[in-house]
Amino acid sequence: VGPDSWVPAQRLSISLSGLPPAASVLGSCLQPAPAQTPVTIVLTPPSPVVGGGVSLAPQPPPENLVLCSWHRSATADEKSRILSYNPATSPPQTPGPAHTGRETAGPSCALNIAGLTLSDTGNYTVLIMNPGVLTIPVTLRVYVTPNQTQVLENGTFTLTCNSSPSVNTMLWLRDGASLVPSERLVLSPDNWTLTVLGVTRGDAGAYQCEVGNPVSTNRSEPSNVTVASLSAGAVAGIVIGSLAGAALVGVTNQDSWVLSWYREGSGV
């Protein structure tokens, strides 16, 4: 063919079966990997309370589990390790530096915590080997959820919202609606404390505090307040049996809020 001759383009078709074995292996490696179901951590119950227990379980359960470890932090470092779980050893559980004696490992690398306290609120991480390595973070929030609280008509009750100094805004709500200060609804200068004077039946409802900063806004767990009529012979404005305060305790790094009631200076 001369230098000025034109040759039409040819389309090449290569059959994989005609390639050497090494090329066949390479071709199979280029096939898309099958989709895998993402693993999440499921809490049971979903809203654990102080004094109760909780189970943090990977779902779906990891297959071919070799080893897993739970950590009380946002990272899987040794200092924060609660325990390790190896189903092939006896016993399968090995306590770590962060073990308090209340944690046990369950099947499929579930972490069970008994006797919950507010200090258990925070970041947790599970490291799973099966035989790949998977790290899954989860946030545990422990709540103090009192039963419905009853206050006396014409009495007084006070609620206090405790939060981080980084909070820019602070609102009080009843049944989801913002409360406006009045002669009976008195706010402290910093808005952290709400005092309800001369309680009426209209003051019954679910109370919450809402805090915010430029990054996020959070509401406390609701606390249900009911109002009872004064019994015969009772004195209006009676203090005995009324609420001395309710603390909404914030966990700064999780932006979560939990509720605790106090009656006459003692935790309820």
C-alpha atoms as a PDB file:
ATOM      1  CA  VAL A   1       0.000   0.000   0.000  1.00  0.00           C
ATOM      2  CA  GLY A   2       1.417   3.342  -0.996  1.00  0.00           C
ATOM      3  CA  PRO A   3       1.731   6.234   1.405  1.00  0.00           C
ATOM      4  CA  ASP A   4      -1.178   8.062  -0.260  1.00  0.00           C
ATOM      5  CA  SER A   5      -3.480   5.043  -0.271  1.00  0.00           C
ATOM      6  CA  TRP A   6      -6.563   5.091   2.010  1.00  0.00           C
ATOM      7  CA  VAL A   7      -7.488   2.043   4.038  1.00  0.00           C
ATOM      8  CA  PRO A   8     -10.990   1.871   5.569  1.00  0.00           C
ATOM      9  CA  ALA A   9     -11.157   1.497   9.369  1.00  0.00           C
ATOM     10  CA  GLN A  10     -11.733  -2.008  10.610  1.00  0.00           C
ATOM     11  CA  ARG A  11     -13.739  -2.933  13.767  1.00  0.00           C
ATOM     12  CA  LEU A  12     -12.013  -5.626  15.781  1.00  0.00           C
ATOM     13  CA  SER A  13     -14.013  -8.093  17.793  1.00  0.00           C
ATOM     14  CA  ILE A  14     -12.120 -10.167  20.382  1.00  0.00           C
ATOM     15  CA  SER A  15     -13.723 -13.176  21.971  1.00  0.00           C
ATOM     16  CA  LEU A  16     -12.854 -13.641  25.643  1.00  0.00           C
ATOM     17  CA  SER A  17     -12.848 -17.404  25.182  1.00  0.00           C
ATOM     18  CA  GLY A  18     -10.048 -17.095  22.683  1.00  0.00           C
ATOM     19  CA  LEU A  19      -7.713 -15.347  25.136  1.00  0.00           C
ATOM     20  CA  PRO A  20      -5.099 -17.078  27.254  1.00  0.00           C
ATOM     21  CA  PRO A  21      -6.155 -18.123  30.793  1.00  0.00           C
ATOM     22  CA  ALA A  22      -4.481 -15.086  32.381  1.00  0.00           C
ATOM     23  CA  ALA A  23      -6.531 -12.740  30.201  1.00  0.00           C
ATOM     24  CA  SER A  24      -9.708 -14.610  31.145  1.00  0.00           C
ATOM     25  CA  VAL A  25      -8.964 -14.070  34.842  1.00  0.00           C
ATOM     26  CA  LEU A  26      -8.379 -10.367  34.211  1.00  0.00           C
ATOM     27  CA  GLY A  27     -11.694 -10.122  32.402  1.00  0.00           C
ATOM     28  CA  SER A  28     -13.531 -11.728  35.302  1.00  0.00           C
ATOM     29  CA  CYS A  29     -11.937  -9.248  37.733  1.00  0.00           C
ATOM     30  CA  LEU A  30     -13.405  -6.388  35.762  1.00  0.00           C
ATOM     31  CA  GLN A  31     -16.971  -7.583  36.323  1.00  0.00           C
ATOM     32  CA  PRO A  32     -19.002  -5.307  38.665  1.00  0.00           C
ATOM     33  CA  ALA A  33     -19.053  -6.496  42.288  1.00  0.00           C
ATOM     34  CA  PRO A  34     -22.418  -7.641  43.627  1.00  0.00           C
ATOM     35  CA  ALA A  35     -24.229  -5.039  45.711  1.00  0.00           C
ATOM     36  CA  GLN A  36     -23.864  -5.489  49.468  1.00  0.00           C
ATOM     37  CA  THR A  37     -26.499  -4.616  52.040  1.00  0.00           C
ATOM     38  CA  PRO A  38     -25.221  -1.794  54.261  1.00  0.00           C
ATOM     39  CA  VAL A  39     -24.804  -2.730  57.916  1.00  0.00           C
ATOM     40  CA  THR A  40     -26.419  -0.471  60.492  1.00  0.00           C
ATOM     41  CA  ILE A  41     -26.687  -0.602  64.284  1.00  0.00           C
ATOM     42  CA  VAL A  42     -30.182  -1.199  65.659  1.00  0.00           C
ATOM     43  CA  LEU A  43     -30.968  -0.160  69.252  1.00  0.00           C
ATOM     44  CA  THR A  44     -33.420  -2.233  71.290  1.00  0.00           C
ATOM     45  CA  PRO A  45     -35.307  -0.490  72.787  1.00  0.00           C
ATOM     46  CA  PRO A  46     -34.893   2.515  70.480  1.00  0.00           C
ATOM     47  CA  SER A  47     -35.179   5.011  73.381  1.00  0.00           C
ATOM     48  CA  PRO A  48     -33.344   3.418  76.334  1.00  0.00           C
ATOM     49  CA  VAL A  49     -33.876   4.914  79.781  1.00  0.00           C
ATOM     50  CA  VAL A  50     -31.806   5.297  82.927  1.00  0.00           C
ATOM     51  CA  GLY A  51     -31.804   2.105  84.977  1.00  0.00           C
ATOM     52  CA  GLY A  52     -32.821  -0.049  82.029  1.00  0.00           C
ATOM     53  CA  GLY A  53     -30.815  -1.882  79.421  1.00  0.00           C
ATOM     54  CA  VAL A  54     -30.093  -1.614  75.728  1.00  0.00           C
ATOM     55  CA  SER A  55     -28.810  -3.836  72.946  1.00  0.00           C
ATOM     56  CA  LEU A  56     -26.787  -2.405  70.043  1.00  0.00           C
ATOM     57  CA  ALA A  57     -26.869  -5.019  67.299  1.00  0.00           C
ATOM     58  CA  PRO A  58     -25.417  -4.921  63.772  1.00  0.00           C
ATOM     59  CA  GLN A  59     -28.147  -5.506  61.186  1.00  0.00           C
ATOM     60  CA  PRO A  60     -28.078  -7.568  59.132  1.00  0.00           C
ATOM     61  CA  PRO A  61     -25.964  -9.833  61.364  1.00  0.00           C
ATOM     62  CA  PRO A  62     -22.409 -10.144  59.995  1.00  0.00           C
ATOM     63  CA  GLU A  63     -21.713 -13.428  58.199  1.00  0.00           C
ATOM     64  CA  ASN A  64     -18.576 -15.512  58.796  1.00  0.00           C
ATOM     65  CA  LEU A  65     -17.736 -13.416  61.859  1.00  0.00           C
ATOM     66  CA  VAL A  66     -14.092 -13.790  62.886  1.00  0.00           C
ATOM     67  CA  LEU A  67     -13.736 -11.076  65.522  1.00  0.00           C
ATOM     68  CA  CYS A  68     -15.428  -7.872  66.598  1.00  0.00           C
ATOM     69  CA  SER A  69     -14.792  -5.181  69.205  1.00  0.00           C
ATOM     70  CA  TRP A  70     -16.924  -2.421  70.702  1.00  0.00           C
ATOM     71  CA  HIS A  71     -15.469   0.974  71.629  1.00  0.00           C
ATOM     72  CA  ARG A  72     -16.840   3.831  73.724  1.00  0.00           C
ATOM     73  CA  SER A  73     -15.717   6.570  71.326  1.00  0.00           C
ATOM     74  CA  ALA A  74     -16.048   7.739  67.737  1.00  0.00           C
ATOM     75  CA  THR A  75     -12.917   5.763  66.798  1.00  0.00           C
ATOM     76  CA  ALA A  76     -11.841   2.167  67.336  1.00  0.00           C
ATOM     77  CA  ASP A  77      -8.793   2.858  69.494  1.00  0.00           C
ATOM     78  CA  GLU A  78      -7.588   0.435  72.167  1.00  0.00           C
ATOM     79  CA  LYS A  79      -8.026   2.853  75.068  1.00  0.00           C
ATOM     80  CA  SER A  80     -11.763   3.102  74.394  1.00  0.00           C
ATOM     81  CA  ARG A  81     -12.320  -0.635  73.802  1.00  0.00           C
ATOM     82  CA  ILE A  82     -15.203  -1.987  75.887  1.00  0.00           C
ATOM     83  CA  LEU A  83     -14.838  -5.612  74.873  1.00  0.00           C
ATOM     84  CA  SER A  84     -13.843  -7.971  72.088  1.00  0.00           C
ATOM     85  CA  TYR A  85     -15.956 -10.888  70.894  1.00  0.00           C
ATOM     86  CA  ASN A  86     -14.499 -13.988  69.232  1.00  0.00           C
ATOM     87  CA  PRO A  87     -17.062 -16.762  68.644  1.00  0.00           C
ATOM     88  CA  ALA A  88     -14.258 -19.341  68.231  1.00  0.00           C
ATOM     89  CA  THR A  89     -12.862 -18.920  71.759  1.00  0.00           C
ATOM     90  CA  SER A  90     -14.157 -19.847  75.207  1.00  0.00           C
ATOM     91  CA  PRO A  91     -15.198 -17.573  76.727  1.00  0.00           C
ATOM     92  CA  PRO A  92     -15.854 -15.546  73.578  1.00  0.00           C
ATOM     93  CA  GLN A  93     -15.760 -12.188  75.370  1.00  0.00           C
ATOM     94  CA  THR A  94     -12.598 -10.324  76.407  1.00  0.00           C
ATOM     95  CA  PRO A  95     -13.067  -7.102  78.473  1.00  0.00           C
ATOM     96  CA  GLY A  96     -11.196  -3.967  77.426  1.00  0.00           C
ATOM     97  CA  PRO A  97      -9.972  -0.818  79.217  1.00  0.00           C
ATOM     98  CA  ALA A  98     -13.411   0.863  78.933  1.00  0.00           C
ATOM     99  CA  HIS A  99     -15.361  -2.110  80.330  1.00  0.00           C
ATOM    100  CA  THR A 100     -17.480  -1.150  83.380  1.00  0.00           C
ATOM    101  CA  GLY A 101     -18.804  -4.592  84.293  1.00  0.00           C
ATOM    102  CA  ARG A 102     -22.231  -3.798  82.843  1.00  0.00           C
ATOM    103  CA  GLU A 103     -21.462  -4.716  79.219  1.00  0.00           C
ATOM    104  CA  THR A 104     -21.749  -8.139  77.634  1.00  0.00           C
ATOM    105  CA  ALA A 105     -21.457  -9.368  74.059  1.00  0.00           C
ATOM    106  CA  GLY A 106     -24.272 -11.224  72.392  1.00  0.00           C
ATOM    107  CA  PRO A 107     -24.551 -13.336  69.251  1.00  0.00           C
ATOM    108  CA  SER A 108     -23.628 -11.633  65.986  1.00  0.00           C
ATOM    109  CA  CYS A 109     -21.539  -9.050  67.878  1.00  0.00           C
ATOM    110  CA  ALA A 110     -24.397  -7.334  69.713  1.00  0.00           C
ATOM    111  CA  LEU A 111     -23.387  -5.112  72.634  1.00  0.00           C
ATOM    112  CA  ASN A 112     -25.669  -5.352  75.676  1.00  0.00           C
ATOM    113  CA  ILE A 113     -25.457  -2.669  78.381  1.00  0.00           C
ATOM    114  CA  ALA A 114     -27.326  -3.066  81.679  1.00  0.00           C
ATOM    115  CA  GLY A 115     -28.042  -0.504  84.400  1.00  0.00           C
ATOM    116  CA  LEU A 116     -27.887   2.465  82.051  1.00  0.00           C
ATOM    117  CA  THR A 117     -26.852   5.868  83.375  1.00  0.00           C
ATOM    118  CA  LEU A 118     -26.815   9.277  81.721  1.00  0.00           C
ATOM    119  CA  SER A 119     -23.038   8.973  81.357  1.00  0.00           C
ATOM    120  CA  ASP A 120     -23.582   6.088  78.909  1.00  0.00           C
ATOM    121  CA  THR A 121     -24.827   8.636  76.374  1.00  0.00           C
ATOM    122  CA  GLY A 122     -22.239   9.211  73.668  1.00  0.00           C
ATOM    123  CA  ASN A 123     -20.435   7.859  70.625  1.00  0.00           C
ATOM    124  CA  TYR A 124     -19.813   4.133  70.157  1.00  0.00           C
ATOM    125  CA  THR A 125     -17.976   2.272  67.411  1.00  0.00           C
ATOM    126  CA  VAL A 126     -17.981  -1.398  66.467  1.00  0.00           C
ATOM    127  CA  LEU A 127     -15.107  -2.968  64.507  1.00  0.00           C
ATOM    128  CA  ILE A 128     -16.155  -6.130  62.625  1.00  0.00           C
ATOM    129  CA  MET A 129     -13.817  -8.628  60.914  1.00  0.00           C
ATOM    130  CA  ASN A 130     -15.535 -11.237  58.736  1.00  0.00           C
ATOM    131  CA  PRO A 131     -12.787 -11.573  57.292  1.00  0.00           C
ATOM    132  CA  GLY A 132     -12.926  -8.067  55.817  1.00  0.00           C
ATOM    133  CA  VAL A 133     -12.779  -5.079  58.157  1.00  0.00           C
ATOM    134  CA  LEU A 134     -15.848  -2.919  58.775  1.00  0.00           C
ATOM    135  CA  THR A 135     -16.108   0.038  61.171  1.00  0.00           C
ATOM    136  CA  ILE A 136     -19.565   1.337  62.127  1.00  0.00           C
ATOM    137  CA  PRO A 137     -20.173   4.355  64.401  1.00  0.00           C
ATOM    138  CA  VAL A 138     -23.398   4.848  66.352  1.00  0.00           C
ATOM    139  CA  THR A 139     -24.697   7.373  68.888  1.00  0.00           C
ATOM    140  CA  LEU A 140     -26.399   6.118  72.044  1.00  0.00           C
ATOM    141  CA  ARG A 141     -28.769   8.445  73.850  1.00  0.00           C
ATOM    142  CA  VAL A 142     -30.003   7.524  77.302  1.00  0.00           C
ATOM    143  CA  TYR A 143     -33.177   9.200  78.490  1.00  0.00           C
ATOM    144  CA  VAL A 144     -34.837   9.804  81.810  1.00  0.00           C
ATOM    145  CA  THR A 145     -38.504   9.569  80.947  1.00  0.00           C
ATOM    146  CA  PRO A 146     -40.712  10.125  83.976  1.00  0.00           C
ATOM    147  CA  ASN A 147     -44.315   9.055  84.139  1.00  0.00           C
ATOM    148  CA  GLN A 148     -46.967  11.694  83.664  1.00  0.00           C
ATOM    149  CA  THR A 149     -46.397  14.302  86.366  1.00  0.00           C
ATOM    150  CA  GLN A 150     -49.296  15.873  88.227  1.00  0.00           C
ATOM    151  CA  VAL A 151     -49.219  19.375  89.687  1.00  0.00           C
ATOM    152  CA  LEU A 152     -51.874  21.140  91.741  1.00  0.00           C
ATOM    153  CA  GLU A 153     -54.140  23.807  90.367  1.00  0.00           C
ATOM    154  CA  ASN A 154     -53.147  27.290  91.629  1.00  0.00           C
ATOM    155  CA  GLY A 155     -49.722  25.909  92.527  1.00  0.00           C
ATOM    156  CA  THR A 156     -46.290  26.566  90.993  1.00  0.00           C
ATOM    157  CA  PHE A 157     -43.806  24.469  89.055  1.00  0.00           C
ATOM    158  CA  THR A 158     -40.399  25.225  87.561  1.00  0.00           C
ATOM    159  CA  LEU A 159     -38.456  23.681  84.689  1.00  0.00           C
ATOM    160  CA  THR A 160     -34.803  24.282  83.868  1.00  0.00           C
ATOM    161  CA  CYS A 161     -32.973  23.557  80.615  1.00  0.00           C
ATOM    162  CA  ASN A 162     -29.239  22.976  80.991  1.00  0.00           C
ATOM    163  CA  SER A 163     -27.141  23.158  77.840  1.00  0.00           C
ATOM    164  CA  SER A 164     -23.739  23.944  76.443  1.00  0.00           C
ATOM    165  CA  PRO A 165     -22.479  27.553  76.389  1.00  0.00           C
ATOM    166  CA  SER A 166     -22.419  27.365  72.590  1.00  0.00           C
ATOM    167  CA  VAL A 167     -26.220  27.640  72.478  1.00  0.00           C
ATOM    168  CA  ASN A 168     -27.375  30.880  70.830  1.00  0.00           C
ATOM    169  CA  THR A 169     -31.164  30.585  71.072  1.00  0.00           C
ATOM    170  CA  MET A 170     -33.469  29.134  73.705  1.00  0.00           C
ATOM    171  CA  LEU A 171     -37.234  28.564  73.441  1.00  0.00           C
ATOM    172  CA  TRP A 172     -39.848  26.921  75.634  1.00  0.00           C
ATOM    173  CA  LEU A 173     -42.738  25.006  74.099  1.00  0.00           C
ATOM    174  CA  ARG A 174     -45.954  23.405  75.272  1.00  0.00           C
ATOM    175  CA  ASP A 175     -47.558  20.877  72.928  1.00  0.00           C
ATOM    176  CA  GLY A 176     -45.177  22.054  70.206  1.00  0.00           C
ATOM    177  CA  ALA A 177     -46.174  25.734  70.408  1.00  0.00           C
ATOM    178  CA  SER A 178     -43.794  28.446  71.627  1.00  0.00           C
ATOM    179  CA  LEU A 179     -44.616  29.924  75.026  1.00  0.00           C
ATOM    180  CA  VAL A 180     -44.808  33.691  75.410  1.00  0.00           C
ATOM    181  CA  PRO A 181     -43.698  35.137  78.770  1.00  0.00           C
ATOM    182  CA  SER A 182     -46.473  36.639  80.857  1.00  0.00           C
ATOM    183  CA  GLU A 183     -47.254  37.425  84.472  1.00  0.00           C
ATOM    184  CA  ARG A 184     -47.746  33.705  85.079  1.00  0.00           C
ATOM    185  CA  LEU A 185     -45.150  32.305  82.662  1.00  0.00           C
ATOM    186  CA  VAL A 186     -41.903  33.741  83.987  1.00  0.00           C
ATOM    187  CA  LEU A 187     -38.535  33.214  82.299  1.00  0.00           C
ATOM    188  CA  SER A 188     -35.178  33.715  83.967  1.00  0.00           C
ATOM    189  CA  PRO A 189     -32.927  36.437  82.433  1.00  0.00           C
ATOM    190  CA  ASP A 190     -31.029  33.790  80.420  1.00  0.00           C
ATOM    191  CA  ASN A 191     -34.255  31.934  79.413  1.00  0.00           C
ATOM    192  CA  TRP A 192     -32.970  28.663  80.889  1.00  0.00           C
ATOM    193  CA  THR A 193     -35.646  28.468  83.599  1.00  0.00           C
ATOM    194  CA  LEU A 194     -39.421  28.560  83.128  1.00  0.00           C
ATOM    195  CA  THR A 195     -41.647  29.109  86.169  1.00  0.00           C
ATOM    196  CA  VAL A 196     -45.417  28.673  85.899  1.00  0.00           C
ATOM    197  CA  LEU A 197     -47.322  30.561  88.610  1.00  0.00           C
ATOM    198  CA  GLY A 198     -50.954  30.082  89.586  1.00  0.00           C
ATOM    199  CA  VAL A 199     -51.250  26.852  87.613  1.00  0.00           C
ATOM    200  CA  THR A 200     -54.495  26.404  85.675  1.00  0.00           C
ATOM    201  CA  ARG A 201     -55.855  23.451  83.715  1.00  0.00           C
ATOM    202  CA  GLY A 202     -54.715  25.204  80.553  1.00  0.00           C
ATOM    203  CA  ASP A 203     -51.110  24.735  81.688  1.00  0.00           C
ATOM    204  CA  ALA A 204     -51.359  20.957  81.218  1.00  0.00           C
ATOM    205  CA  GLY A 205     -49.464  19.542  78.259  1.00  0.00           C
ATOM    206  CA  ALA A 206     -46.107  18.325  76.960  1.00  0.00           C
ATOM    207  CA  TYR A 207     -43.290  20.747  77.798  1.00  0.00           C
ATOM    208  CA  GLN A 208     -40.004  20.957  75.900  1.00  0.00           C
ATOM    209  CA  CYS A 209     -37.059  23.307  75.614  1.00  0.00           C
ATOM    210  CA  GLU A 210     -35.538  23.996  72.206  1.00  0.00           C
ATOM    211  CA  VAL A 211     -31.941  25.146  71.869  1.00  0.00           C
ATOM    212  CA  GLY A 212     -30.069  26.193  68.769  1.00  0.00           C
ATOM    213  CA  ASN A 213     -26.848  27.505  67.342  1.00  0.00           C
ATOM    214  CA  PRO A 214     -25.802  28.354  63.778  1.00  0.00           C
ATOM    215  CA  VAL A 215     -25.214  24.645  63.100  1.00  0.00           C
ATOM    216  CA  SER A 216     -28.275  22.866  64.479  1.00  0.00           C
ATOM    217  CA  THR A 217     -31.459  23.042  66.536  1.00  0.00           C
ATOM    218  CA  ASN A 218     -32.545  20.443  69.073  1.00  0.00           C
ATOM    219  CA  ARG A 219     -35.527  19.833  71.312  1.00  0.00           C
ATOM    220  CA  SER A 220     -35.598  18.014  74.598  1.00  0.00           C
ATOM    221  CA  GLU A 221     -37.708  14.938  75.167  1.00  0.00           C
ATOM    222  CA  PRO A 222     -41.265  16.055  76.088  1.00  0.00           C
ATOM    223  CA  SER A 223     -42.471  15.895  79.668  1.00  0.00           C
ATOM    224  CA  ASN A 224     -46.217  15.557  80.173  1.00  0.00           C
ATOM    225  CA  VAL A 225     -47.731  17.690  82.927  1.00  0.00           C
ATOM    226  CA  THR A 226     -51.276  17.173  84.184  1.00  0.00           C
ATOM    227  CA  VAL A 227     -53.146  19.503  86.520  1.00  0.00           C
ATOM    228  CA  ALA A 228     -55.245  18.304  89.447  1.00  0.00           C
ATOM    229  CA  SER A 229     -57.851  20.290  91.332  1.00  0.00           C
ATOM    230  CA  LEU A 230     -57.178  21.260  94.944  1.00  0.00           C
ATOM    231  CA  SER A 231     -58.784  18.893  97.394  1.00  0.00           C
ATOM    232  CA  ALA A 232     -61.111  20.166 100.105  1.00  0.00           C
ATOM    233  CA  GLY A 233     -59.174  22.043 102.764  1.00  0.00           C
ATOM    234  CA  ALA A 234     -56.054  22.394 100.654  1.00  0.00           C
ATOM    235  CA  VAL A 235     -54.310  25.747 100.546  1.00  0.00           C
ATOM    236  CA  ALA A 236     -53.970  27.528  97.212  1.00  0.00           C
ATOM    237  CA  GLY A 237     -50.335  27.878  96.176  1.00  0.00           C
ATOM    238  CA  ILE A 238     -49.367  24.727  98.063  1.00  0.00           C
ATOM    239  CA  VAL A 239     -45.755  23.725  97.478  1.00  0.00           C
ATOM    240  CA  ILE A 240     -45.763  20.147  98.775  1.00  0.00           C
ATOM    241  CA  GLY A 241     -46.089  17.793  95.823  1.00  0.00           C
ATOM    242  CA  SER A 242     -45.324  20.444  93.241  1.00  0.00           C
ATOM    243  CA  LEU A 243     -42.259  20.210  91.037  1.00  0.00           C
ATOM    244  CA  ALA A 244     -39.127  21.838  92.348  1.00  0.00           C
ATOM    245  CA  GLY A 245     -37.457  21.626  88.952  1.00  0.00           C
ATOM    246  CA  ALA A 246     -36.830  19.651  85.801  1.00  0.00           C
ATOM    247  CA  ALA A 247     -33.381  19.470  84.228  1.00  0.00           C
ATOM    248  CA  LEU A 248     -32.822  18.920  80.534  1.00  0.00           C
ATOM    249  CA  VAL A 249     -29.224  17.759  80.369  1.00  0.00           C
ATOM    250  CA  GLY A 250     -27.406  18.353  77.093  1.00  0.00           C
ATOM    251  CA  VAL A 251     -24.633  16.172  75.681  1.00  0.00           C
ATOM    252  CA  THR A 252     -22.633  18.712  73.744  1.00  0.00           C
ATOM    253  CA  ASN A 253     -20.816  16.551  71.214  1.00  0.00           C
ATOM    254  CA  GLN A 254     -23.959  14.605  70.261  1.00  0.00           C
ATOM    255  CA  ASP A 255     -26.440  17.502  70.173  1.00  0.00           C
ATOM    256  CA  SER A 256     -28.824  15.305  72.158  1.00  0.00           C
ATOM    257  CA  TRP A 257     -30.997  16.115  75.133  1.00  0.00           C
ATOM    258  CA  VAL A 258     -32.408  14.036  77.948  1.00  0.00           C
ATOM    259  CA  LEU A 259     -34.950  14.886  80.613  1.00  0.00           C
ATOM    260  CA  SER A 260     -34.831  14.460  84.374  1.00  0.00           C
ATOM    261  CA  TRP A 261     -37.438  15.467  86.918  1.00  0.00           C
ATOM    262  CA  TYR A 262     -36.819  16.386  90.566  1.00  0.00           C
ATOM    263  CA  ARG A 263     -39.424  16.507  93.329  1.00  0.00           C
ATOM    264  CA  GLU A 264     -38.585  18.530  96.432  1.00  0.00           C
ATOM    265  CA  GLY A 265     -34.889  18.343  95.627  1.00  0.00           C
ATOM    266  CA  SER A 266     -34.759  14.563  95.067  1.00  0.00           C
ATOM    267  CA  GLY A 267     -34.559  12.757  91.724  1.00  0.00           C
ATOM    268  CA  VAL A 268     -37.795  11.084  90.675  1.00  0.00           C
END
